[in-house]
Amino acid sequence: MRNRETNAREAGGQATGAPALDLNLLRTFLAVYRTGSFTAAARLLGLSQPTVTTQVRALERQLGRELFERQARGVSPAPYADELAARIVQPLDSLAMVTGESADDRPPEPVHLAGPNELLTRRILPGLAPLVERGVRLRITPGLTEPLLDDLRAGRHDLVIATFRPRGRALTAVPLSDEEFVLVASPAWAERSGGPARIAADGPAALHGVPLVAYAEDLPIVRRYWRHVFGRRLVRQAAVTMPDLNAVKAAVLGGTGFSVLPRYLCADELSSGALVLLHDPDDPPINTGFLVQRPGASANPHVALVRDHLLEALRDR
């Protein structure tokens, strides 16, 4: 049977026979880790700043490791603090939810979630009912990955769904889901171009004269498809551009031309025949989306609930 000494040893790296770590010290550590400040953690916990400092120092003595490094403004977690936080955050948050513990009597703040508009509307928003039923309040912001990550660093979001893994150690990112890109057109344009059979035989030359509808002027999605599938550089301009993949799909459905879209965005239209899959390569281009968070950025336990829900709901889809 697992005993208190085993739990303490696993949570804090203690040697056999070491006393169990005090839950109050772990809660204080987690508050400092999340807020990045002894003063902010003290306000959150309803303690004095010297008390928070004393408790963190006591935990450091028990662990025999430094947990925080002082900065010009606040503190930053030492390497071992990341490991410790990862081990205790879910159990402590779950315990707080069960016991109803909080720093004050106010409900948790809304969770600010941001990401690509198309992914939010098609794959995220339809699955949020279980979170709302549990009392989670959400504030959803659509946008492009780069500015959303800048806002995350500035503290304006809690979680961001990014189309690429951010660089550096200021943000933590975990793979969330993969999206496959497909080459599509309306039935009329598919017939005029010779359809999938001709593209399989002649390659992209079959699409000469078919207008291209794209997400942006520099054609990032289409260029990637050309390079990955056809092994060549894309040398054409878009007839229509719009920074909204739902609008791109609408234009293609209306017969404007062809485009490259995420399969999840047009799966229904492909099934119904409203769109035609122009090419079916053995190795289609795949893009991995990431769920991004600032380490220790939020003292809101609902952030962890949203994060875990998204990882469970989307990782295998």
C-alpha atoms as a PDB file:
ATOM      1  CA  MET A   1       0.000   0.000   0.000  1.00  0.00           C
ATOM      2  CA  ARG A   2       1.216   3.493  -0.805  1.00  0.00           C
ATOM      3  CA  ASN A   3       1.921   5.448   2.379  1.00  0.00           C
ATOM      4  CA  ARG A   4       2.587   9.053   3.212  1.00  0.00           C
ATOM      5  CA  GLU A   5       6.336   8.615   2.965  1.00  0.00           C
ATOM      6  CA  THR A   6       6.018   7.162  -0.542  1.00  0.00           C
ATOM      7  CA  ASN A   7       3.804  10.056  -1.660  1.00  0.00           C
ATOM      8  CA  ALA A   8       6.160  12.610  -0.185  1.00  0.00           C
ATOM      9  CA  ARG A   9       9.179  10.969  -1.766  1.00  0.00           C
ATOM     10  CA  GLU A  10       7.542  10.958  -5.208  1.00  0.00           C
ATOM     11  CA  ALA A  11       6.273  14.527  -4.952  1.00  0.00           C
ATOM     12  CA  GLY A  12       9.438  16.077  -3.673  1.00  0.00           C
ATOM     13  CA  GLY A  13      12.263  13.675  -4.449  1.00  0.00           C
ATOM     14  CA  GLN A  14      12.786  12.882  -0.774  1.00  0.00           C
ATOM     15  CA  ALA A  15      14.874   9.982   0.437  1.00  0.00           C
ATOM     16  CA  THR A  16      13.208   6.977   2.038  1.00  0.00           C
ATOM     17  CA  GLY A  17      11.980   7.812   5.533  1.00  0.00           C
ATOM     18  CA  ALA A  18      11.727  11.562   4.925  1.00  0.00           C
ATOM     19  CA  PRO A  19       8.636  13.238   6.395  1.00  0.00           C
ATOM     20  CA  ALA A  20       5.655  13.922   4.143  1.00  0.00           C
ATOM     21  CA  LEU A  21       5.604  17.381   2.617  1.00  0.00           C
ATOM     22  CA  ASP A  22       3.145  19.805   4.183  1.00  0.00           C
ATOM     23  CA  LEU A  23       0.185  20.503   1.880  1.00  0.00           C
ATOM     24  CA  ASN A  24       0.158  24.129   2.996  1.00  0.00           C
ATOM     25  CA  LEU A  25       3.747  24.555   1.835  1.00  0.00           C
ATOM     26  CA  LEU A  26       2.909  22.951  -1.508  1.00  0.00           C
ATOM     27  CA  ARG A  27      -0.123  25.228  -1.941  1.00  0.00           C
ATOM     28  CA  THR A  28       2.012  28.273  -1.213  1.00  0.00           C
ATOM     29  CA  PHE A  29       4.686  27.103  -3.631  1.00  0.00           C
ATOM     30  CA  LEU A  30       2.072  26.604  -6.360  1.00  0.00           C
ATOM     31  CA  ALA A  31       0.624  30.084  -5.785  1.00  0.00           C
ATOM     32  CA  VAL A  32       4.080  31.655  -6.178  1.00  0.00           C
ATOM     33  CA  TYR A  33       4.771  29.478  -9.223  1.00  0.00           C
ATOM     34  CA  ARG A  34       1.535  30.552 -10.896  1.00  0.00           C
ATOM     35  CA  THR A  35       1.675  34.255 -10.075  1.00  0.00           C
ATOM     36  CA  GLY A  36       5.430  34.715 -10.458  1.00  0.00           C
ATOM     37  CA  SER A  37       5.561  36.837  -7.320  1.00  0.00           C
ATOM     38  CA  PHE A  38       5.733  36.342  -3.546  1.00  0.00           C
ATOM     39  CA  THR A  39       3.608  39.468  -3.076  1.00  0.00           C
ATOM     40  CA  ALA A  40       0.919  38.391  -5.550  1.00  0.00           C
ATOM     41  CA  ALA A  41       0.842  34.918  -4.026  1.00  0.00           C
ATOM     42  CA  ALA A  42       0.392  36.451  -0.584  1.00  0.00           C
ATOM     43  CA  ARG A  43      -2.634  38.427  -1.804  1.00  0.00           C
ATOM     44  CA  LEU A  44      -4.049  35.318  -3.443  1.00  0.00           C
ATOM     45  CA  LEU A  45      -3.654  33.207  -0.303  1.00  0.00           C
ATOM     46  CA  GLY A  46      -4.630  35.882   2.206  1.00  0.00           C
ATOM     47  CA  LEU A  47      -1.221  35.693   3.886  1.00  0.00           C
ATOM     48  CA  SER A  48       1.505  38.202   4.573  1.00  0.00           C
ATOM     49  CA  GLN A  49       4.412  38.378   2.163  1.00  0.00           C
ATOM     50  CA  PRO A  50       6.932  37.377   4.873  1.00  0.00           C
ATOM     51  CA  THR A  51       4.814  34.309   5.656  1.00  0.00           C
ATOM     52  CA  VAL A  52       4.838  33.242   2.007  1.00  0.00           C
ATOM     53  CA  THR A  53       8.604  33.740   1.843  1.00  0.00           C
ATOM     54  CA  THR A  54       9.100  31.723   5.029  1.00  0.00           C
ATOM     55  CA  GLN A  55       6.949  28.856   3.756  1.00  0.00           C
ATOM     56  CA  VAL A  56       8.739  28.671   0.418  1.00  0.00           C
ATOM     57  CA  ARG A  57      12.120  28.693   2.166  1.00  0.00           C
ATOM     58  CA  ALA A  58      10.903  25.911   4.472  1.00  0.00           C
ATOM     59  CA  LEU A  59       9.870  23.818   1.471  1.00  0.00           C
ATOM     60  CA  GLU A  60      13.232  24.454  -0.183  1.00  0.00           C
ATOM     61  CA  ARG A  61      15.010  23.230   2.946  1.00  0.00           C
ATOM     62  CA  GLN A  62      12.907  20.069   3.017  1.00  0.00           C
ATOM     63  CA  LEU A  63      13.576  19.386  -0.661  1.00  0.00           C
ATOM     64  CA  GLY A  64      17.204  20.448  -0.563  1.00  0.00           C
ATOM     65  CA  ARG A  65      16.656  22.396  -3.788  1.00  0.00           C
ATOM     66  CA  GLU A  66      16.164  26.003  -4.837  1.00  0.00           C
ATOM     67  CA  LEU A  67      12.717  26.620  -6.274  1.00  0.00           C
ATOM     68  CA  PHE A  68      12.768  30.257  -7.403  1.00  0.00           C
ATOM     69  CA  GLU A  69      15.251  32.778  -8.733  1.00  0.00           C
ATOM     70  CA  ARG A  70      14.660  36.433  -7.926  1.00  0.00           C
ATOM     71  CA  GLN A  71      14.239  38.762 -10.912  1.00  0.00           C
ATOM     72  CA  ALA A  72      13.939  42.535 -11.274  1.00  0.00           C
ATOM     73  CA  ARG A  73      10.170  42.036 -11.093  1.00  0.00           C
ATOM     74  CA  GLY A  74       8.983  38.977  -9.211  1.00  0.00           C
ATOM     75  CA  VAL A  75      10.591  35.555  -9.401  1.00  0.00           C
ATOM     76  CA  SER A  76      11.146  32.899 -12.050  1.00  0.00           C
ATOM     77  CA  PRO A  77      10.941  29.153 -11.400  1.00  0.00           C
ATOM     78  CA  ALA A  78      14.176  27.230 -11.082  1.00  0.00           C
ATOM     79  CA  PRO A  79      14.357  24.071 -13.231  1.00  0.00           C
ATOM     80  CA  TYR A  80      13.221  21.766 -10.429  1.00  0.00           C
ATOM     81  CA  ALA A  81      10.180  23.989  -9.751  1.00  0.00           C
ATOM     82  CA  ASP A  82       8.756  23.108 -13.170  1.00  0.00           C
ATOM     83  CA  GLU A  83       9.044  19.415 -12.353  1.00  0.00           C
ATOM     84  CA  LEU A  84       7.494  19.815  -8.912  1.00  0.00           C
ATOM     85  CA  ALA A  85       4.617  21.943 -10.230  1.00  0.00           C
ATOM     86  CA  ALA A  86       3.855  19.397 -12.939  1.00  0.00           C
ATOM     87  CA  ARG A  87       3.574  16.685 -10.263  1.00  0.00           C
ATOM     88  CA  ILE A  88       1.337  18.525  -7.821  1.00  0.00           C
ATOM     89  CA  VAL A  89      -0.802  20.911  -9.860  1.00  0.00           C
ATOM     90  CA  GLN A  90      -3.514  18.455 -10.868  1.00  0.00           C
ATOM     91  CA  PRO A  91      -3.897  16.787  -7.443  1.00  0.00           C
ATOM     92  CA  LEU A  92      -3.995  20.129  -5.610  1.00  0.00           C
ATOM     93  CA  ASP A  93      -6.412  21.703  -8.107  1.00  0.00           C
ATOM     94  CA  SER A  94      -8.663  18.646  -7.907  1.00  0.00           C
ATOM     95  CA  LEU A  95      -8.561  18.788  -4.113  1.00  0.00           C
ATOM     96  CA  ALA A  96      -9.445  22.484  -4.164  1.00  0.00           C
ATOM     97  CA  MET A  97     -12.418  21.793  -6.443  1.00  0.00           C
ATOM     98  CA  VAL A  98     -13.681  18.989  -4.194  1.00  0.00           C
ATOM     99  CA  THR A  99     -13.293  20.881  -0.922  1.00  0.00           C
ATOM    100  CA  GLY A 100     -14.408  24.226  -2.300  1.00  0.00           C
ATOM    101  CA  GLU A 101     -11.212  25.886  -1.122  1.00  0.00           C
ATOM    102  CA  SER A 102     -10.253  29.210  -2.689  1.00  0.00           C
ATOM    103  CA  ALA A 103      -8.311  32.282  -1.806  1.00  0.00           C
ATOM    104  CA  ASP A 104     -11.569  34.176  -1.313  1.00  0.00           C
ATOM    105  CA  ASP A 105     -15.291  33.677  -1.774  1.00  0.00           C
ATOM    106  CA  ARG A 106     -15.338  34.838  -5.370  1.00  0.00           C
ATOM    107  CA  PRO A 107     -15.784  32.280  -8.173  1.00  0.00           C
ATOM    108  CA  PRO A 108     -12.774  31.711 -10.424  1.00  0.00           C
ATOM    109  CA  GLU A 109     -12.197  34.273 -13.146  1.00  0.00           C
ATOM    110  CA  PRO A 110     -13.131  33.434 -16.752  1.00  0.00           C
ATOM    111  CA  VAL A 111     -10.603  31.414 -18.719  1.00  0.00           C
ATOM    112  CA  HIS A 112      -9.319  33.357 -21.731  1.00  0.00           C
ATOM    113  CA  LEU A 113      -8.818  30.952 -24.647  1.00  0.00           C
ATOM    114  CA  ALA A 114      -7.609  32.058 -28.077  1.00  0.00           C
ATOM    115  CA  GLY A 115      -6.846  30.388 -31.387  1.00  0.00           C
ATOM    116  CA  PRO A 116      -7.592  30.223 -35.112  1.00  0.00           C
ATOM    117  CA  ASN A 117     -11.173  31.183 -35.896  1.00  0.00           C
ATOM    118  CA  GLU A 118     -11.838  28.085 -38.001  1.00  0.00           C
ATOM    119  CA  LEU A 119     -10.543  25.641 -35.411  1.00  0.00           C
ATOM    120  CA  LEU A 120     -12.430  27.388 -32.630  1.00  0.00           C
ATOM    121  CA  THR A 121     -15.756  27.384 -34.468  1.00  0.00           C
ATOM    122  CA  ARG A 122     -15.578  23.864 -35.898  1.00  0.00           C
ATOM    123  CA  ARG A 123     -13.718  21.803 -33.307  1.00  0.00           C
ATOM    124  CA  ILE A 124     -13.539  23.719 -30.005  1.00  0.00           C
ATOM    125  CA  LEU A 125     -16.825  25.532 -29.389  1.00  0.00           C
ATOM    126  CA  PRO A 126     -19.110  22.528 -30.083  1.00  0.00           C
ATOM    127  CA  GLY A 127     -17.421  20.554 -27.283  1.00  0.00           C
ATOM    128  CA  LEU A 128     -17.428  23.128 -24.490  1.00  0.00           C
ATOM    129  CA  ALA A 129     -20.752  22.166 -22.869  1.00  0.00           C
ATOM    130  CA  PRO A 130     -19.183  19.882 -20.207  1.00  0.00           C
ATOM    131  CA  LEU A 131     -16.931  22.708 -19.041  1.00  0.00           C
ATOM    132  CA  VAL A 132     -19.755  25.230 -18.835  1.00  0.00           C
ATOM    133  CA  GLU A 133     -21.858  22.715 -16.900  1.00  0.00           C
ATOM    134  CA  ARG A 134     -19.022  22.520 -14.346  1.00  0.00           C
ATOM    135  CA  GLY A 135     -19.183  26.277 -13.832  1.00  0.00           C
ATOM    136  CA  VAL A 136     -16.302  27.287 -16.084  1.00  0.00           C
ATOM    137  CA  ARG A 137     -16.678  30.704 -17.686  1.00  0.00           C
ATOM    138  CA  LEU A 138     -14.910  31.160 -21.017  1.00  0.00           C
ATOM    139  CA  ARG A 139     -13.838  34.166 -23.055  1.00  0.00           C
ATOM    140  CA  ILE A 140     -12.939  33.110 -26.588  1.00  0.00           C
ATOM    141  CA  THR A 141     -10.740  35.221 -28.881  1.00  0.00           C
ATOM    142  CA  PRO A 142     -10.105  34.280 -32.541  1.00  0.00           C
ATOM    143  CA  GLY A 143      -6.966  35.447 -34.297  1.00  0.00           C
ATOM    144  CA  LEU A 144      -3.625  34.659 -35.918  1.00  0.00           C
ATOM    145  CA  THR A 145      -1.013  32.738 -33.977  1.00  0.00           C
ATOM    146  CA  GLU A 146       1.773  35.346 -33.795  1.00  0.00           C
ATOM    147  CA  PRO A 147      -0.273  38.184 -32.240  1.00  0.00           C
ATOM    148  CA  LEU A 148      -2.121  35.743 -29.983  1.00  0.00           C
ATOM    149  CA  LEU A 149       1.182  34.458 -28.604  1.00  0.00           C
ATOM    150  CA  ASP A 150       2.296  38.055 -27.990  1.00  0.00           C
ATOM    151  CA  ASP A 151      -0.931  38.624 -26.049  1.00  0.00           C
ATOM    152  CA  LEU A 152      -0.337  35.405 -24.103  1.00  0.00           C
ATOM    153  CA  ARG A 153       3.128  36.612 -23.068  1.00  0.00           C
ATOM    154  CA  ALA A 154       1.542  39.896 -21.974  1.00  0.00           C
ATOM    155  CA  GLY A 155      -0.989  38.054 -19.801  1.00  0.00           C
ATOM    156  CA  ARG A 156      -4.087  38.785 -21.889  1.00  0.00           C
ATOM    157  CA  HIS A 157      -4.834  35.096 -22.522  1.00  0.00           C
ATOM    158  CA  ASP A 158      -4.575  31.958 -20.399  1.00  0.00           C
ATOM    159  CA  LEU A 159      -4.321  29.426 -23.233  1.00  0.00           C
ATOM    160  CA  VAL A 160      -3.612  29.756 -26.944  1.00  0.00           C
ATOM    161  CA  ILE A 161      -4.094  27.152 -29.657  1.00  0.00           C
ATOM    162  CA  ALA A 162      -1.160  27.823 -31.995  1.00  0.00           C
ATOM    163  CA  THR A 163      -0.517  26.608 -35.529  1.00  0.00           C
ATOM    164  CA  PHE A 164       3.181  26.146 -34.711  1.00  0.00           C
ATOM    165  CA  ARG A 165       5.352  25.515 -31.659  1.00  0.00           C
ATOM    166  CA  PRO A 166       6.602  28.812 -30.185  1.00  0.00           C
ATOM    167  CA  ARG A 167      10.329  29.220 -29.706  1.00  0.00           C
ATOM    168  CA  GLY A 168      12.075  29.867 -26.402  1.00  0.00           C
ATOM    169  CA  ARG A 169      11.332  28.866 -22.823  1.00  0.00           C
ATOM    170  CA  ALA A 170       8.920  31.670 -21.958  1.00  0.00           C
ATOM    171  CA  LEU A 171       5.957  29.553 -23.112  1.00  0.00           C
ATOM    172  CA  THR A 172       5.173  25.869 -22.715  1.00  0.00           C
ATOM    173  CA  ALA A 173       3.572  24.031 -25.635  1.00  0.00           C
ATOM    174  CA  VAL A 174       2.192  20.520 -25.971  1.00  0.00           C
ATOM    175  CA  PRO A 175       0.943  18.893 -29.213  1.00  0.00           C
ATOM    176  CA  LEU A 176      -2.834  19.157 -29.422  1.00  0.00           C
ATOM    177  CA  SER A 177      -4.054  17.796 -32.762  1.00  0.00           C
ATOM    178  CA  ASP A 178      -3.045  17.227 -36.364  1.00  0.00           C
ATOM    179  CA  GLU A 179      -4.824  18.650 -39.382  1.00  0.00           C
ATOM    180  CA  GLU A 180      -4.556  17.278 -42.905  1.00  0.00           C
ATOM    181  CA  PHE A 181      -4.639  19.640 -45.879  1.00  0.00           C
ATOM    182  CA  VAL A 182      -6.611  18.737 -49.010  1.00  0.00           C
ATOM    183  CA  LEU A 183      -6.824  20.143 -52.544  1.00  0.00           C
ATOM    184  CA  VAL A 184     -10.464  20.920 -53.398  1.00  0.00           C
ATOM    185  CA  ALA A 185     -12.691  22.586 -55.975  1.00  0.00           C
ATOM    186  CA  SER A 186     -16.364  22.759 -56.892  1.00  0.00           C
ATOM    187  CA  PRO A 187     -17.728  19.960 -59.099  1.00  0.00           C
ATOM    188  CA  ALA A 188     -17.871  22.320 -62.080  1.00  0.00           C
ATOM    189  CA  TRP A 189     -14.188  23.294 -61.844  1.00  0.00           C
ATOM    190  CA  ALA A 190     -13.197  19.704 -61.105  1.00  0.00           C
ATOM    191  CA  GLU A 191     -14.845  18.602 -64.346  1.00  0.00           C
ATOM    192  CA  ARG A 192     -13.307  21.434 -66.404  1.00  0.00           C
ATOM    193  CA  SER A 193      -9.821  20.675 -65.098  1.00  0.00           C
ATOM    194  CA  GLY A 194     -10.065  16.967 -65.792  1.00  0.00           C
ATOM    195  CA  GLY A 195     -10.575  16.046 -62.170  1.00  0.00           C
ATOM    196  CA  PRO A 196      -8.473  13.807 -59.918  1.00  0.00           C
ATOM    197  CA  ALA A 197      -7.482  11.448 -62.739  1.00  0.00           C
ATOM    198  CA  ARG A 198      -5.814  14.165 -64.777  1.00  0.00           C
ATOM    199  CA  ILE A 199      -4.087  15.716 -61.754  1.00  0.00           C
ATOM    200  CA  ALA A 200      -2.761  12.274 -60.795  1.00  0.00           C
ATOM    201  CA  ALA A 201      -1.374  11.923 -64.317  1.00  0.00           C
ATOM    202  CA  ASP A 202      -0.215  15.451 -65.143  1.00  0.00           C
ATOM    203  CA  GLY A 203       0.317  16.997 -61.742  1.00  0.00           C
ATOM    204  CA  PRO A 204      -0.514  20.644 -60.996  1.00  0.00           C
ATOM    205  CA  ALA A 205      -0.373  21.558 -64.702  1.00  0.00           C
ATOM    206  CA  ALA A 206      -3.944  20.287 -64.881  1.00  0.00           C
ATOM    207  CA  LEU A 207      -5.022  23.302 -62.827  1.00  0.00           C
ATOM    208  CA  HIS A 208      -3.675  25.832 -65.318  1.00  0.00           C
ATOM    209  CA  GLY A 209      -6.418  28.363 -65.917  1.00  0.00           C
ATOM    210  CA  VAL A 210      -8.350  27.485 -62.749  1.00  0.00           C
ATOM    211  CA  PRO A 211      -8.492  30.502 -60.393  1.00  0.00           C
ATOM    212  CA  LEU A 212      -6.780  30.065 -57.034  1.00  0.00           C
ATOM    213  CA  VAL A 213      -8.539  31.152 -53.838  1.00  0.00           C
ATOM    214  CA  ALA A 214      -6.148  31.592 -50.905  1.00  0.00           C
ATOM    215  CA  TYR A 215      -5.896  32.581 -47.273  1.00  0.00           C
ATOM    216  CA  ALA A 216      -3.137  35.162 -47.774  1.00  0.00           C
ATOM    217  CA  GLU A 217      -1.213  36.867 -50.544  1.00  0.00           C
ATOM    218  CA  ASP A 218       1.947  34.853 -49.858  1.00  0.00           C
ATOM    219  CA  LEU A 219      -0.065  31.595 -50.172  1.00  0.00           C
ATOM    220  CA  PRO A 220       1.419  29.811 -47.121  1.00  0.00           C
ATOM    221  CA  ILE A 221      -0.960  26.834 -47.093  1.00  0.00           C
ATOM    222  CA  VAL A 222      -1.001  26.312 -50.859  1.00  0.00           C
ATOM    223  CA  ARG A 223       2.785  26.719 -51.180  1.00  0.00           C
ATOM    224  CA  ARG A 224       3.312  24.096 -48.523  1.00  0.00           C
ATOM    225  CA  TYR A 225       0.960  21.687 -50.322  1.00  0.00           C
ATOM    226  CA  TRP A 226       2.759  22.201 -53.661  1.00  0.00           C
ATOM    227  CA  ARG A 227       6.162  21.651 -52.102  1.00  0.00           C
ATOM    228  CA  HIS A 228       5.139  18.608 -50.053  1.00  0.00           C
ATOM    229  CA  VAL A 229       2.906  16.814 -52.583  1.00  0.00           C
ATOM    230  CA  PHE A 230       4.170  17.901 -55.995  1.00  0.00           C
ATOM    231  CA  GLY A 231       7.789  18.534 -55.009  1.00  0.00           C
ATOM    232  CA  ARG A 232       7.961  21.857 -56.761  1.00  0.00           C
ATOM    233  CA  ARG A 233       7.671  25.573 -56.145  1.00  0.00           C
ATOM    234  CA  LEU A 234       4.302  27.241 -56.623  1.00  0.00           C
ATOM    235  CA  VAL A 235       4.544  29.896 -59.352  1.00  0.00           C
ATOM    236  CA  ARG A 236       1.172  31.574 -59.571  1.00  0.00           C
ATOM    237  CA  GLN A 237      -0.832  34.291 -57.897  1.00  0.00           C
ATOM    238  CA  ALA A 238      -4.182  34.057 -56.182  1.00  0.00           C
ATOM    239  CA  ALA A 239      -7.285  35.367 -57.888  1.00  0.00           C
ATOM    240  CA  VAL A 240      -8.936  35.951 -54.513  1.00  0.00           C
ATOM    241  CA  THR A 241      -7.422  36.200 -51.012  1.00  0.00           C
ATOM    242  CA  MET A 242      -9.177  36.499 -47.667  1.00  0.00           C
ATOM    243  CA  PRO A 243      -7.752  35.854 -44.156  1.00  0.00           C
ATOM    244  CA  ASP A 244     -10.589  33.520 -43.181  1.00  0.00           C
ATOM    245  CA  LEU A 245     -10.621  29.856 -44.205  1.00  0.00           C
ATOM    246  CA  ASN A 246     -14.402  29.685 -43.801  1.00  0.00           C
ATOM    247  CA  ALA A 247     -14.663  32.461 -46.375  1.00  0.00           C
ATOM    248  CA  VAL A 248     -12.168  30.671 -48.638  1.00  0.00           C
ATOM    249  CA  LYS A 249     -14.345  27.564 -48.450  1.00  0.00           C
ATOM    250  CA  ALA A 250     -17.457  29.597 -49.218  1.00  0.00           C
ATOM    251  CA  ALA A 251     -15.807  31.064 -52.320  1.00  0.00           C
ATOM    252  CA  VAL A 252     -14.726  27.634 -53.558  1.00  0.00           C
ATOM    253  CA  LEU A 253     -18.216  26.250 -52.916  1.00  0.00           C
ATOM    254  CA  GLY A 254     -19.588  29.112 -54.983  1.00  0.00           C
ATOM    255  CA  GLY A 255     -17.448  28.133 -57.959  1.00  0.00           C
ATOM    256  CA  THR A 256     -14.743  30.809 -57.694  1.00  0.00           C
ATOM    257  CA  GLY A 257     -11.865  28.352 -58.154  1.00  0.00           C
ATOM    258  CA  PHE A 258      -9.755  25.840 -56.207  1.00  0.00           C
ATOM    259  CA  SER A 259      -7.933  25.991 -52.866  1.00  0.00           C
ATOM    260  CA  VAL A 260      -6.188  23.973 -50.166  1.00  0.00           C
ATOM    261  CA  LEU A 261      -8.140  23.611 -46.908  1.00  0.00           C
ATOM    262  CA  PRO A 262      -7.918  21.628 -43.666  1.00  0.00           C
ATOM    263  CA  ARG A 263      -9.889  18.415 -44.111  1.00  0.00           C
ATOM    264  CA  TYR A 264     -11.869  18.963 -40.900  1.00  0.00           C
ATOM    265  CA  LEU A 265     -13.182  22.236 -42.324  1.00  0.00           C
ATOM    266  CA  CYS A 266     -14.621  20.711 -45.495  1.00  0.00           C
ATOM    267  CA  ALA A 267     -15.294  17.073 -44.537  1.00  0.00           C
ATOM    268  CA  ASP A 268     -19.072  17.503 -44.753  1.00  0.00           C
ATOM    269  CA  GLU A 269     -18.888  19.160 -48.169  1.00  0.00           C
ATOM    270  CA  LEU A 270     -16.599  16.417 -49.484  1.00  0.00           C
ATOM    271  CA  SER A 271     -18.993  13.763 -48.217  1.00  0.00           C
ATOM    272  CA  SER A 272     -22.016  15.435 -49.808  1.00  0.00           C
ATOM    273  CA  GLY A 273     -20.279  16.128 -53.131  1.00  0.00           C
ATOM    274  CA  ALA A 274     -20.525  19.893 -52.796  1.00  0.00           C
ATOM    275  CA  LEU A 275     -16.712  19.890 -53.037  1.00  0.00           C
ATOM    276  CA  VAL A 276     -14.471  17.504 -54.939  1.00  0.00           C
ATOM    277  CA  LEU A 277     -11.154  16.147 -53.649  1.00  0.00           C
ATOM    278  CA  LEU A 278      -8.859  16.909 -56.568  1.00  0.00           C
ATOM    279  CA  HIS A 279      -5.931  14.808 -55.403  1.00  0.00           C
ATOM    280  CA  ASP A 280      -5.446  12.017 -52.865  1.00  0.00           C
ATOM    281  CA  PRO A 281      -1.696  11.649 -52.237  1.00  0.00           C
ATOM    282  CA  ASP A 282      -0.300   8.808 -50.152  1.00  0.00           C
ATOM    283  CA  ASP A 283       1.481  11.341 -47.934  1.00  0.00           C
ATOM    284  CA  PRO A 284      -0.689  14.446 -47.517  1.00  0.00           C
ATOM    285  CA  PRO A 285       0.731  17.468 -45.706  1.00  0.00           C
ATOM    286  CA  ILE A 286      -0.045  17.473 -41.982  1.00  0.00           C
ATOM    287  CA  ASN A 287       0.212  20.404 -39.597  1.00  0.00           C
ATOM    288  CA  THR A 288       0.369  19.958 -35.812  1.00  0.00           C
ATOM    289  CA  GLY A 289      -1.429  22.422 -33.581  1.00  0.00           C
ATOM    290  CA  PHE A 290      -0.110  23.178 -30.088  1.00  0.00           C
ATOM    291  CA  LEU A 291      -1.770  24.176 -26.838  1.00  0.00           C
ATOM    292  CA  VAL A 292       0.368  26.948 -25.370  1.00  0.00           C
ATOM    293  CA  GLN A 293       0.487  28.341 -21.822  1.00  0.00           C
ATOM    294  CA  ARG A 294       2.785  30.584 -19.802  1.00  0.00           C
ATOM    295  CA  PRO A 295       4.471  28.576 -17.017  1.00  0.00           C
ATOM    296  CA  GLY A 296       2.863  29.500 -13.714  1.00  0.00           C
ATOM    297  CA  ALA A 297       0.879  32.264 -15.363  1.00  0.00           C
ATOM    298  CA  SER A 298      -2.546  31.650 -13.817  1.00  0.00           C
ATOM    299  CA  ALA A 299      -3.860  31.033 -10.323  1.00  0.00           C
ATOM    300  CA  ASN A 300      -7.244  30.114 -11.784  1.00  0.00           C
ATOM    301  CA  PRO A 301      -7.883  26.357 -11.289  1.00  0.00           C
ATOM    302  CA  HIS A 302     -10.318  26.386 -14.218  1.00  0.00           C
ATOM    303  CA  VAL A 303      -7.399  26.947 -16.603  1.00  0.00           C
ATOM    304  CA  ALA A 304      -6.196  23.437 -15.814  1.00  0.00           C
ATOM    305  CA  LEU A 305      -9.696  22.064 -16.398  1.00  0.00           C
ATOM    306  CA  VAL A 306      -9.904  23.692 -19.833  1.00  0.00           C
ATOM    307  CA  ARG A 307      -6.377  22.581 -20.738  1.00  0.00           C
ATOM    308  CA  ASP A 308      -7.013  18.963 -19.781  1.00  0.00           C
ATOM    309  CA  HIS A 309     -10.394  18.943 -21.535  1.00  0.00           C
ATOM    310  CA  LEU A 310      -8.883  20.187 -24.805  1.00  0.00           C
ATOM    311  CA  LEU A 311      -6.021  17.715 -24.674  1.00  0.00           C
ATOM    312  CA  GLU A 312      -8.389  14.813 -24.105  1.00  0.00           C
ATOM    313  CA  ALA A 313     -10.935  15.942 -26.689  1.00  0.00           C
ATOM    314  CA  LEU A 314      -8.606  16.820 -29.568  1.00  0.00           C
ATOM    315  CA  ARG A 315      -5.305  14.981 -29.223  1.00  0.00           C
ATOM    316  CA  ASP A 316      -6.533  11.763 -30.894  1.00  0.00           C
ATOM    317  CA  ARG A 317      -8.870  13.377 -33.424  1.00  0.00           C
END
